[in-house]
PDB file of N, CA and C in Angstrom:
ATOM      1  N   MET A   1       7.856 -17.968  86.062  1.00  0.00           N
ATOM      2  CA  MET A   1       9.240 -18.387  85.957  1.00  0.00           C
ATOM      3  C   MET A   1      10.138 -17.266  86.465  1.00  0.00           C
ATOM      4  N   THR A   2      11.073 -17.605  87.343  1.00  0.00           N
ATOM      5  CA  THR A   2      12.011 -16.629  87.896  1.00  0.00           C
ATOM      6  C   THR A   2      13.178 -16.456  86.934  1.00  0.00           C
ATOM      7  N   PRO A   3      13.582 -15.205  86.644  1.00  0.00           N
ATOM      8  CA  PRO A   3      14.718 -15.006  85.739  1.00  0.00           C
ATOM      9  C   PRO A   3      15.997 -15.593  86.332  1.00  0.00           C
ATOM     10  N   ALA A   4      16.892 -15.996  85.474  1.00  0.00           N
ATOM     11  CA  ALA A   4      18.182 -16.541  85.912  1.00  0.00           C
ATOM     12  C   ALA A   4      18.925 -15.487  86.711  1.00  0.00           C
ATOM     13  N   LEU A   5      19.654 -15.944  87.733  1.00  0.00           N
ATOM     14  CA  LEU A   5      20.386 -15.018  88.595  1.00  0.00           C
ATOM     15  C   LEU A   5      21.338 -14.120  87.826  1.00  0.00           C
ATOM     16  N   ASP A   6      21.971 -14.638  86.782  1.00  0.00           N
ATOM     17  CA  ASP A   6      22.971 -13.834  86.088  1.00  0.00           C
ATOM     18  C   ASP A   6      22.355 -12.760  85.200  1.00  0.00           C
ATOM     19  N   THR A   7      21.021 -12.741  85.070  1.00  0.00           N
ATOM     20  CA  THR A   7      20.391 -11.686  84.270  1.00  0.00           C
ATOM     21  C   THR A   7      19.692 -10.650  85.142  1.00  0.00           C
ATOM     22  N   GLU A   8      19.581 -10.915  86.441  1.00  0.00           N
ATOM     23  CA  GLU A   8      18.941  -9.960  87.339  1.00  0.00           C
ATOM     24  C   GLU A   8      19.879  -8.788  87.603  1.00  0.00           C
ATOM     25  N   PRO A   9      19.340  -7.564  87.609  1.00  0.00           N
ATOM     26  CA  PRO A   9      20.209  -6.411  87.909  1.00  0.00           C
ATOM     27  C   PRO A   9      20.733  -6.479  89.348  1.00  0.00           C
ATOM     28  N   ILE A  10      21.948  -6.012  89.524  1.00  0.00           N
ATOM     29  CA  ILE A  10      22.588  -6.017  90.838  1.00  0.00           C
ATOM     30  C   ILE A  10      22.824  -4.577  91.269  1.00  0.00           C
ATOM     31  N   ASP A  11      22.484  -4.288  92.492  1.00  0.00           N
ATOM     32  CA  ASP A  11      22.714  -2.959  93.052  1.00  0.00           C
ATOM     33  C   ASP A  11      24.179  -2.852  93.472  1.00  0.00           C
ATOM     34  N   PRO A  12      24.985  -2.032  92.787  1.00  0.00           N
ATOM     35  CA  PRO A  12      26.412  -1.939  93.126  1.00  0.00           C
ATOM     36  C   PRO A  12      26.671  -1.326  94.497  1.00  0.00           C
ATOM     37  N   THR A  13      25.642  -0.734  95.094  1.00  0.00           N
ATOM     38  CA  THR A  13      25.815  -0.161  96.434  1.00  0.00           C
ATOM     39  C   THR A  13      25.349  -1.134  97.527  1.00  0.00           C
ATOM     40  N   ALA A  14      25.044  -2.374  97.137  1.00  0.00           N
ATOM     41  CA  ALA A  14      24.578  -3.371  98.112  1.00  0.00           C
ATOM     42  C   ALA A  14      25.677  -3.725  99.111  1.00  0.00           C
ATOM     43  N   ILE A  15      26.942  -3.534  98.733  1.00  0.00           N
ATOM     44  CA  ILE A  15      28.038  -3.658  99.690  1.00  0.00           C
ATOM     45  C   ILE A  15      28.793  -2.339  99.705  1.00  0.00           C
ATOM     46  N   THR A  16      29.330  -2.008 100.852  1.00  0.00           N
ATOM     47  CA  THR A  16      30.057  -0.754 101.001  1.00  0.00           C
ATOM     48  C   THR A  16      31.511  -0.938 100.576  1.00  0.00           C
ATOM     49  N   CYS A  17      32.204   0.166 100.427  1.00  0.00           N
ATOM     50  CA  CYS A  17      33.631   0.129 100.114  1.00  0.00           C
ATOM     51  C   CYS A  17      34.396  -0.617 101.212  1.00  0.00           C
ATOM     52  N   ARG A  18      34.044  -0.357 102.430  1.00  0.00           N
ATOM     53  CA  ARG A  18      34.709  -1.016 103.565  1.00  0.00           C
ATOM     54  C   ARG A  18      34.493  -2.531 103.510  1.00  0.00           C
ATOM     55  N   GLU A  19      33.282  -2.962 103.183  1.00  0.00           N
ATOM     56  CA  GLU A  19      32.999  -4.394 103.066  1.00  0.00           C
ATOM     57  C   GLU A  19      33.799  -5.014 101.919  1.00  0.00           C
ATOM     58  N   LEU A  20      33.909  -4.297 100.812  1.00  0.00           N
ATOM     59  CA  LEU A  20      34.680  -4.810  99.684  1.00  0.00           C
ATOM     60  C   LEU A  20      36.135  -5.031 100.075  1.00  0.00           C
ATOM     61  N   VAL A  21      36.724  -4.086 100.796  1.00  0.00           N
ATOM     62  CA  VAL A  21      38.118  -4.212 101.223  1.00  0.00           C
ATOM     63  C   VAL A  21      38.314  -5.492 102.033  1.00  0.00           C
ATOM     64  N   VAL A  22      37.360  -5.807 102.897  1.00  0.00           N
ATOM     65  CA  VAL A  22      37.449  -7.013 103.721  1.00  0.00           C
ATOM     66  C   VAL A  22      37.353  -8.277 102.859  1.00  0.00           C
ATOM     67  N   LEU A  23      36.617  -8.205 101.750  1.00  0.00           N
ATOM     68  CA  LEU A  23      36.363  -9.379 100.914  1.00  0.00           C
ATOM     69  C   LEU A  23      37.404  -9.616  99.827  1.00  0.00           C
ATOM     70  N   VAL A  24      38.342  -8.714  99.630  1.00  0.00           N
ATOM     71  CA  VAL A  24      39.288  -8.823  98.515  1.00  0.00           C
ATOM     72  C   VAL A  24      40.025 -10.168  98.514  1.00  0.00           C
ATOM     73  N   THR A  25      40.576 -10.562  99.642  1.00  0.00           N
ATOM     74  CA  THR A  25      41.348 -11.806  99.686  1.00  0.00           C
ATOM     75  C   THR A  25      40.455 -13.006  99.355  1.00  0.00           C
ATOM     76  N   ASP A  26      39.270 -13.047  99.945  1.00  0.00           N
ATOM     77  CA  ASP A  26      38.354 -14.156  99.648  1.00  0.00           C
ATOM     78  C   ASP A  26      37.997 -14.185  98.162  1.00  0.00           C
ATOM     79  N   TYR A  27      37.801 -13.009  97.567  1.00  0.00           N
ATOM     80  CA  TYR A  27      37.496 -12.951  96.146  1.00  0.00           C
ATOM     81  C   TYR A  27      38.654 -13.516  95.319  1.00  0.00           C
ATOM     82  N   LEU A  28      39.859 -13.061  95.618  1.00  0.00           N
ATOM     83  CA  LEU A  28      41.022 -13.514  94.856  1.00  0.00           C
ATOM     84  C   LEU A  28      41.284 -15.007  95.029  1.00  0.00           C
ATOM     85  N   GLU A  29      40.894 -15.557  96.174  1.00  0.00           N
ATOM     86  CA  GLU A  29      41.083 -16.988  96.434  1.00  0.00           C
ATOM     87  C   GLU A  29      39.898 -17.822  95.957  1.00  0.00           C
ATOM     88  N   GLY A  30      38.885 -17.171  95.391  1.00  0.00           N
ATOM     89  CA  GLY A  30      37.719 -17.899  94.895  1.00  0.00           C
ATOM     90  C   GLY A  30      36.846 -18.446  96.009  1.00  0.00           C
ATOM     91  N   ALA A  31      36.887 -17.809  97.180  1.00  0.00           N
ATOM     92  CA  ALA A  31      36.170 -18.317  98.352  1.00  0.00           C
ATOM     93  C   ALA A  31      34.798 -17.667  98.568  1.00  0.00           C
ATOM     94  N   LEU A  32      34.400 -16.738  97.718  1.00  0.00           N
ATOM     95  CA  LEU A  32      33.099 -16.093  97.879  1.00  0.00           C
ATOM     96  C   LEU A  32      31.997 -16.951  97.261  1.00  0.00           C
ATOM     97  N   SER A  33      30.822 -16.850  97.843  1.00  0.00           N
ATOM     98  CA  SER A  33      29.658 -17.499  97.231  1.00  0.00           C
ATOM     99  C   SER A  33      29.385 -16.805  95.894  1.00  0.00           C
ATOM    100  N   GLU A  34      28.603 -17.436  95.068  1.00  0.00           N
ATOM    101  CA  GLU A  34      28.260 -16.863  93.762  1.00  0.00           C
ATOM    102  C   GLU A  34      27.586 -15.501  93.937  1.00  0.00           C
ATOM    103  N   SER A  35      26.659 -15.397  94.871  1.00  0.00           N
ATOM    104  CA  SER A  35      25.957 -14.124  95.054  1.00  0.00           C
ATOM    105  C   SER A  35      26.901 -13.036  95.583  1.00  0.00           C
ATOM    106  N   ASP A  36      27.792 -13.386  96.526  1.00  0.00           N
ATOM    107  CA  ASP A  36      28.758 -12.399  97.032  1.00  0.00           C
ATOM    108  C   ASP A  36      29.749 -11.998  95.950  1.00  0.00           C
ATOM    109  N   ARG A  37      30.149 -12.942  95.114  1.00  0.00           N
ATOM    110  CA  ARG A  37      31.063 -12.624  94.006  1.00  0.00           C
ATOM    111  C   ARG A  37      30.413 -11.635  93.050  1.00  0.00           C
ATOM    112  N   ARG A  38      29.150 -11.848  92.754  1.00  0.00           N
ATOM    113  CA  ARG A  38      28.437 -10.944  91.843  1.00  0.00           C
ATOM    114  C   ARG A  38      28.300  -9.546  92.453  1.00  0.00           C
ATOM    115  N   LEU A  39      28.012  -9.467  93.755  1.00  0.00           N
ATOM    116  CA  LEU A  39      27.932  -8.163  94.427  1.00  0.00           C
ATOM    117  C   LEU A  39      29.291  -7.464  94.419  1.00  0.00           C
ATOM    118  N   PHE A  40      30.340  -8.234  94.699  1.00  0.00           N
ATOM    119  CA  PHE A  40      31.703  -7.711  94.712  1.00  0.00           C
ATOM    120  C   PHE A  40      32.042  -7.119  93.342  1.00  0.00           C
ATOM    121  N   GLU A  41      31.801  -7.883  92.286  1.00  0.00           N
ATOM    122  CA  GLU A  41      32.129  -7.429  90.929  1.00  0.00           C
ATOM    123  C   GLU A  41      31.280  -6.238  90.501  1.00  0.00           C
ATOM    124  N   ALA A  42      30.018  -6.223  90.913  1.00  0.00           N
ATOM    125  CA  ALA A  42      29.160  -5.074  90.574  1.00  0.00           C
ATOM    126  C   ALA A  42      29.686  -3.810  91.245  1.00  0.00           C
ATOM    127  N   HIS A  43      30.113  -3.940  92.494  1.00  0.00           N
ATOM    128  CA  HIS A  43      30.659  -2.778  93.200  1.00  0.00           C
ATOM    129  C   HIS A  43      31.945  -2.310  92.527  1.00  0.00           C
ATOM    130  N   LEU A  44      32.819  -3.256  92.147  1.00  0.00           N
ATOM    131  CA  LEU A  44      34.067  -2.880  91.462  1.00  0.00           C
ATOM    132  C   LEU A  44      33.785  -2.115  90.173  1.00  0.00           C
ATOM    133  N   ASP A  45      32.780  -2.574  89.428  1.00  0.00           N
ATOM    134  CA  ASP A  45      32.432  -1.916  88.160  1.00  0.00           C
ATOM    135  C   ASP A  45      31.898  -0.502  88.384  1.00  0.00           C
ATOM    136  N   HIS A  46      31.353  -0.267  89.570  1.00  0.00           N
ATOM    137  CA  HIS A  46      30.694   1.002  89.883  1.00  0.00           C
ATOM    138  C   HIS A  46      31.618   2.006  90.590  1.00  0.00           C
ATOM    139  N   CYS A  47      32.629   1.514  91.308  1.00  0.00           N
ATOM    140  CA  CYS A  47      33.413   2.371  92.211  1.00  0.00           C
ATOM    141  C   CYS A  47      34.884   2.428  91.774  1.00  0.00           C
ATOM    142  N   ASP A  48      35.297   3.566  91.265  1.00  0.00           N
ATOM    143  CA  ASP A  48      36.682   3.716  90.797  1.00  0.00           C
ATOM    144  C   ASP A  48      37.697   3.529  91.920  1.00  0.00           C
ATOM    145  N   GLY A  49      37.404   4.029  93.116  1.00  0.00           N
ATOM    146  CA  GLY A  49      38.325   3.899  94.245  1.00  0.00           C
ATOM    147  C   GLY A  49      38.544   2.444  94.630  1.00  0.00           C
ATOM    148  N   CYS A  50      37.479   1.674  94.693  1.00  0.00           N
ATOM    149  CA  CYS A  50      37.606   0.252  95.036  1.00  0.00           C
ATOM    150  C   CYS A  50      38.288  -0.517  93.902  1.00  0.00           C
ATOM    151  N   HIS A  51      38.004  -0.131  92.679  1.00  0.00           N
ATOM    152  CA  HIS A  51      38.664  -0.791  91.553  1.00  0.00           C
ATOM    153  C   HIS A  51      40.176  -0.576  91.638  1.00  0.00           C
ATOM    154  N   LEU A  52      40.587   0.636  91.941  1.00  0.00           N
ATOM    155  CA  LEU A  52      42.009   0.943  92.078  1.00  0.00           C
ATOM    156  C   LEU A  52      42.622   0.147  93.237  1.00  0.00           C
ATOM    157  N   HIS A  53      41.938   0.107  94.373  1.00  0.00           N
ATOM    158  CA  HIS A  53      42.429  -0.661  95.526  1.00  0.00           C
ATOM    159  C   HIS A  53      42.565  -2.135  95.160  1.00  0.00           C
ATOM    160  N   PHE A  54      41.570  -2.684  94.489  1.00  0.00           N
ATOM    161  CA  PHE A  54      41.593  -4.088  94.092  1.00  0.00           C
ATOM    162  C   PHE A  54      42.775  -4.374  93.166  1.00  0.00           C
ATOM    163  N   GLU A  55      42.988  -3.529  92.187  1.00  0.00           N
ATOM    164  CA  GLU A  55      44.106  -3.730  91.253  1.00  0.00           C
ATOM    165  C   GLU A  55      45.448  -3.647  91.975  1.00  0.00           C
ATOM    166  N   GLN A  56      45.570  -2.720  92.912  1.00  0.00           N
ATOM    167  CA  GLN A  56      46.810  -2.609  93.686  1.00  0.00           C
ATOM    168  C   GLN A  56      47.041  -3.876  94.511  1.00  0.00           C
ATOM    169  N   MET A  57      46.002  -4.389  95.136  1.00  0.00           N
ATOM    170  CA  MET A  57      46.127  -5.619  95.932  1.00  0.00           C
ATOM    171  C   MET A  57      46.494  -6.805  95.036  1.00  0.00           C
ATOM    172  N   ARG A  58      45.840  -6.906  93.903  1.00  0.00           N
ATOM    173  CA  ARG A  58      46.103  -8.012  92.969  1.00  0.00           C
ATOM    174  C   ARG A  58      47.553  -7.981  92.502  1.00  0.00           C
ATOM    175  N   LYS A  59      48.038  -6.801  92.143  1.00  0.00           N
ATOM    176  CA  LYS A  59      49.422  -6.664  91.677  1.00  0.00           C
ATOM    177  C   LYS A  59      50.413  -6.923  92.807  1.00  0.00           C
ATOM    178  N   THR A  60      50.097  -6.450  94.005  1.00  0.00           N
ATOM    179  CA  THR A  60      50.982  -6.675  95.156  1.00  0.00           C
ATOM    180  C   THR A  60      51.096  -8.160  95.457  1.00  0.00           C
ATOM    181  N   ILE A  61      49.973  -8.851  95.481  1.00  0.00           N
ATOM    182  CA  ILE A  61      49.982 -10.291  95.758  1.00  0.00           C
ATOM    183  C   ILE A  61      50.745 -11.039  94.667  1.00  0.00           C
ATOM    184  N   ALA A  62      50.545 -10.657  93.420  1.00  0.00           N
ATOM    185  CA  ALA A  62      51.260 -11.315  92.321  1.00  0.00           C
ATOM    186  C   ALA A  62      52.763 -11.097  92.443  1.00  0.00           C
ATOM    187  N   THR A  63      53.170  -9.894  92.814  1.00  0.00           N
ATOM    188  CA  THR A  63      54.595  -9.588  92.952  1.00  0.00           C
ATOM    189  C   THR A  63      55.196 -10.306  94.152  1.00  0.00           C
ATOM    190  N   LEU A  64      54.528 -10.226  95.284  1.00  0.00           N
ATOM    191  CA  LEU A  64      55.057 -10.857  96.489  1.00  0.00           C
ATOM    192  C   LEU A  64      55.061 -12.374  96.383  1.00  0.00           C
ATOM    193  N   GLY A  65      54.169 -12.897  95.603  1.00  0.00           N
ATOM    194  CA  GLY A  65      54.134 -14.348  95.413  1.00  0.00           C
ATOM    195  C   GLY A  65      55.358 -14.882  94.705  1.00  0.00           C
ATOM    196  N   ARG A  66      56.097 -14.020  94.057  1.00  0.00           N
ATOM    197  CA  ARG A  66      57.318 -14.444  93.352  1.00  0.00           C
ATOM    198  C   ARG A  66      58.567 -14.321  94.216  1.00  0.00           C
ATOM    199  N   LEU A  67      58.440 -13.734  95.399  1.00  0.00           N
ATOM    200  CA  LEU A  67      59.603 -13.570  96.272  1.00  0.00           C
ATOM    201  C   LEU A  67      59.975 -14.896  96.920  1.00  0.00           C
ATOM    202  N   ARG A  68      61.257 -15.100  97.068  1.00  0.00           N
ATOM    203  CA  ARG A  68      61.753 -16.264  97.805  1.00  0.00           C
ATOM    204  C   ARG A  68      62.204 -15.780  99.174  1.00  0.00           C
ATOM    205  N   ASP A  69      62.338 -16.693 100.120  1.00  0.00           N
ATOM    206  CA  ASP A  69      62.750 -16.319 101.477  1.00  0.00           C
ATOM    207  C   ASP A  69      64.055 -15.545 101.487  1.00  0.00           C
ATOM    208  N   ASP A  70      64.993 -15.928 100.635  1.00  0.00           N
ATOM    209  CA  ASP A  70      66.296 -15.262 100.663  1.00  0.00           C
ATOM    210  C   ASP A  70      66.328 -13.959  99.859  1.00  0.00           C
ATOM    211  N   ASP A  71      65.195 -13.550  99.261  1.00  0.00           N
ATOM    212  CA  ASP A  71      65.129 -12.272  98.544  1.00  0.00           C
ATOM    213  C   ASP A  71      65.051 -11.081  99.490  1.00  0.00           C
ATOM    214  N   LEU A  72      64.698 -11.325 100.721  1.00  0.00           N
ATOM    215  CA  LEU A  72      64.499 -10.260 101.692  1.00  0.00           C
ATOM    216  C   LEU A  72      65.424 -10.493 102.882  1.00  0.00           C
ATOM    217  N   PRO A  73      66.251  -9.506 103.222  1.00  0.00           N
ATOM    218  CA  PRO A  73      67.125  -9.668 104.390  1.00  0.00           C
ATOM    219  C   PRO A  73      66.302  -9.944 105.648  1.00  0.00           C
ATOM    220  N   ALA A  74      66.853 -10.728 106.555  1.00  0.00           N
ATOM    221  CA  ALA A  74      66.142 -11.135 107.767  1.00  0.00           C
ATOM    222  C   ALA A  74      65.661  -9.936 108.583  1.00  0.00           C
ATOM    223  N   ASP A  75      66.491  -8.888 108.705  1.00  0.00           N
ATOM    224  CA  ASP A  75      66.074  -7.734 109.503  1.00  0.00           C
ATOM    225  C   ASP A  75      64.886  -7.012 108.859  1.00  0.00           C
ATOM    226  N   ALA A  76      64.869  -6.934 107.540  1.00  0.00           N
ATOM    227  CA  ALA A  76      63.737  -6.303 106.848  1.00  0.00           C
ATOM    228  C   ALA A  76      62.480  -7.151 107.025  1.00  0.00           C
ATOM    229  N   ARG A  77      62.615  -8.469 106.901  1.00  0.00           N
ATOM    230  CA  ARG A  77      61.474  -9.362 107.104  1.00  0.00           C
ATOM    231  C   ARG A  77      60.895  -9.177 108.510  1.00  0.00           C
ATOM    232  N   ASP A  78      61.773  -9.122 109.507  1.00  0.00           N
ATOM    233  CA  ASP A  78      61.320  -8.960 110.891  1.00  0.00           C
ATOM    234  C   ASP A  78      60.590  -7.631 111.096  1.00  0.00           C
ATOM    235  N   ARG A  79      61.084  -6.558 110.467  1.00  0.00           N
ATOM    236  CA  ARG A  79      60.412  -5.255 110.583  1.00  0.00           C
ATOM    237  C   ARG A  79      59.031  -5.286 109.926  1.00  0.00           C
ATOM    238  N   PHE A  80      58.943  -5.912 108.759  1.00  0.00           N
ATOM    239  CA  PHE A  80      57.651  -6.029 108.090  1.00  0.00           C
ATOM    240  C   PHE A  80      56.668  -6.834 108.924  1.00  0.00           C
ATOM    241  N   LEU A  81      57.111  -7.959 109.440  1.00  0.00           N
ATOM    242  CA  LEU A  81      56.228  -8.794 110.257  1.00  0.00           C
ATOM    243  C   LEU A  81      55.752  -8.049 111.499  1.00  0.00           C
ATOM    244  N   ALA A  82      56.649  -7.316 112.141  1.00  0.00           N
ATOM    245  CA  ALA A  82      56.272  -6.539 113.327  1.00  0.00           C
ATOM    246  C   ALA A  82      55.249  -5.460 112.954  1.00  0.00           C
ATOM    247  N   ALA A  83      55.464  -4.803 111.831  1.00  0.00           N
ATOM    248  CA  ALA A  83      54.537  -3.750 111.394  1.00  0.00           C
ATOM    249  C   ALA A  83      53.160  -4.337 111.097  1.00  0.00           C
ATOM    250  N   PHE A  84      53.108  -5.482 110.420  1.00  0.00           N
ATOM    251  CA  PHE A  84      51.826  -6.095 110.091  1.00  0.00           C
ATOM    252  C   PHE A  84      51.125  -6.619 111.334  1.00  0.00           C
ATOM    253  N   ARG A  85      51.873  -7.136 112.282  1.00  0.00           N
ATOM    254  CA  ARG A  85      51.253  -7.588 113.531  1.00  0.00           C
ATOM    255  C   ARG A  85      50.610  -6.404 114.252  1.00  0.00           C
ATOM    256  N   GLY A  86      51.322  -5.280 114.313  1.00  0.00           N
ATOM    257  CA  GLY A  86      50.770  -4.082 114.943  1.00  0.00           C
ATOM    258  C   GLY A  86      49.550  -3.566 114.207  1.00  0.00           C
ATOM    259  N   TRP A  87      49.607  -3.578 112.883  1.00  0.00           N
ATOM    260  CA  TRP A  87      48.484  -3.119 112.069  1.00  0.00           C
ATOM    261  C   TRP A  87      47.279  -4.020 112.290  1.00  0.00           C
ATOM    262  N   SER A  88      47.506  -5.307 112.351  1.00  0.00           N
ATOM    263  CA  SER A  88      46.411  -6.254 112.538  1.00  0.00           C
ATOM    264  C   SER A  88      45.729  -6.039 113.887  1.00  0.00           C
ATOM    265  N   ARG A  89      46.502  -5.834 114.943  1.00  0.00           N
ATOM    266  CA  ARG A  89      45.927  -5.584 116.272  1.00  0.00           C
ATOM    267  C   ARG A  89      45.128  -4.288 116.268  1.00  0.00           C
ATOM    268  N   GLU A  90      45.670  -3.242 115.629  1.00  0.00           N
ATOM    269  CA  GLU A  90      44.973  -1.952 115.596  1.00  0.00           C
ATOM    270  C   GLU A  90      43.669  -2.056 114.816  1.00  0.00           C
ATOM    271  N   SER A  91      43.658  -2.835 113.724  1.00  0.00           N
ATOM    272  CA  SER A  91      42.451  -2.922 112.910  1.00  0.00           C
ATOM    273  C   SER A  91      41.356  -3.709 113.609  1.00  0.00           C
ATOM    274  N   ARG A  92      41.711  -4.550 114.588  1.00  0.00           N
ATOM    275  CA  ARG A  92      40.707  -5.315 115.324  1.00  0.00           C
ATOM    276  C   ARG A  92      40.255  -4.626 116.606  1.00  0.00           C
ATOM    277  N   ALA A  93      40.940  -3.561 116.977  1.00  0.00           N
ATOM    278  CA  ALA A  93      40.571  -2.853 118.214  1.00  0.00           C
ATOM    279  C   ALA A  93      39.230  -2.182 118.026  1.00  0.00           C
ATOM    280  N   PRO A  94      38.369  -2.213 119.050  1.00  0.00           N
ATOM    281  CA  PRO A  94      37.066  -1.541 118.921  1.00  0.00           C
ATOM    282  C   PRO A  94      37.258  -0.033 118.766  1.00  0.00           C
ATOM    283  N   SER A  95      36.444   0.555 117.893  1.00  0.00           N
ATOM    284  CA  SER A  95      36.543   2.010 117.708  1.00  0.00           C
ATOM    285  C   SER A  95      35.848   2.722 118.861  1.00  0.00           C
ATOM    286  N   ARG A  96      36.368   3.883 119.151  1.00  0.00           N
ATOM    287  CA  ARG A  96      35.834   4.645 120.294  1.00  0.00           C
ATOM    288  C   ARG A  96      34.991   5.780 119.830  1.00  0.00           C
TER     289      ARG A  96
END
C-alpha cells in the first residue's frame, strides 16, 4: 500500500527560490496542481526570504485590489504602466 500523498515527506529544496517567485501568482489564484502547491508551501516553510517575498506580494495584491480607477491620477497610472511594461520586457530578455 502506498502512503497517502499528504503524509509523504516533501523536499523543500525541490523548487528553487526563483521558481517560487514565478509561481506566486498561480498559487494565490489557486491555479497550481496539488503536487506543485505542496512543493510551494514546503519551500515557503523552509525559506525565510521566500516567505517574506510571498507575504509582501500577498499584502500588495490585497491593497491594490481595493484601489479604484479614480484613486490614482492618470499621469501616475501611465508612469506605472510604462515602468511595468519595461520591467516585463527586461525580465523576458535572454541573459547574456
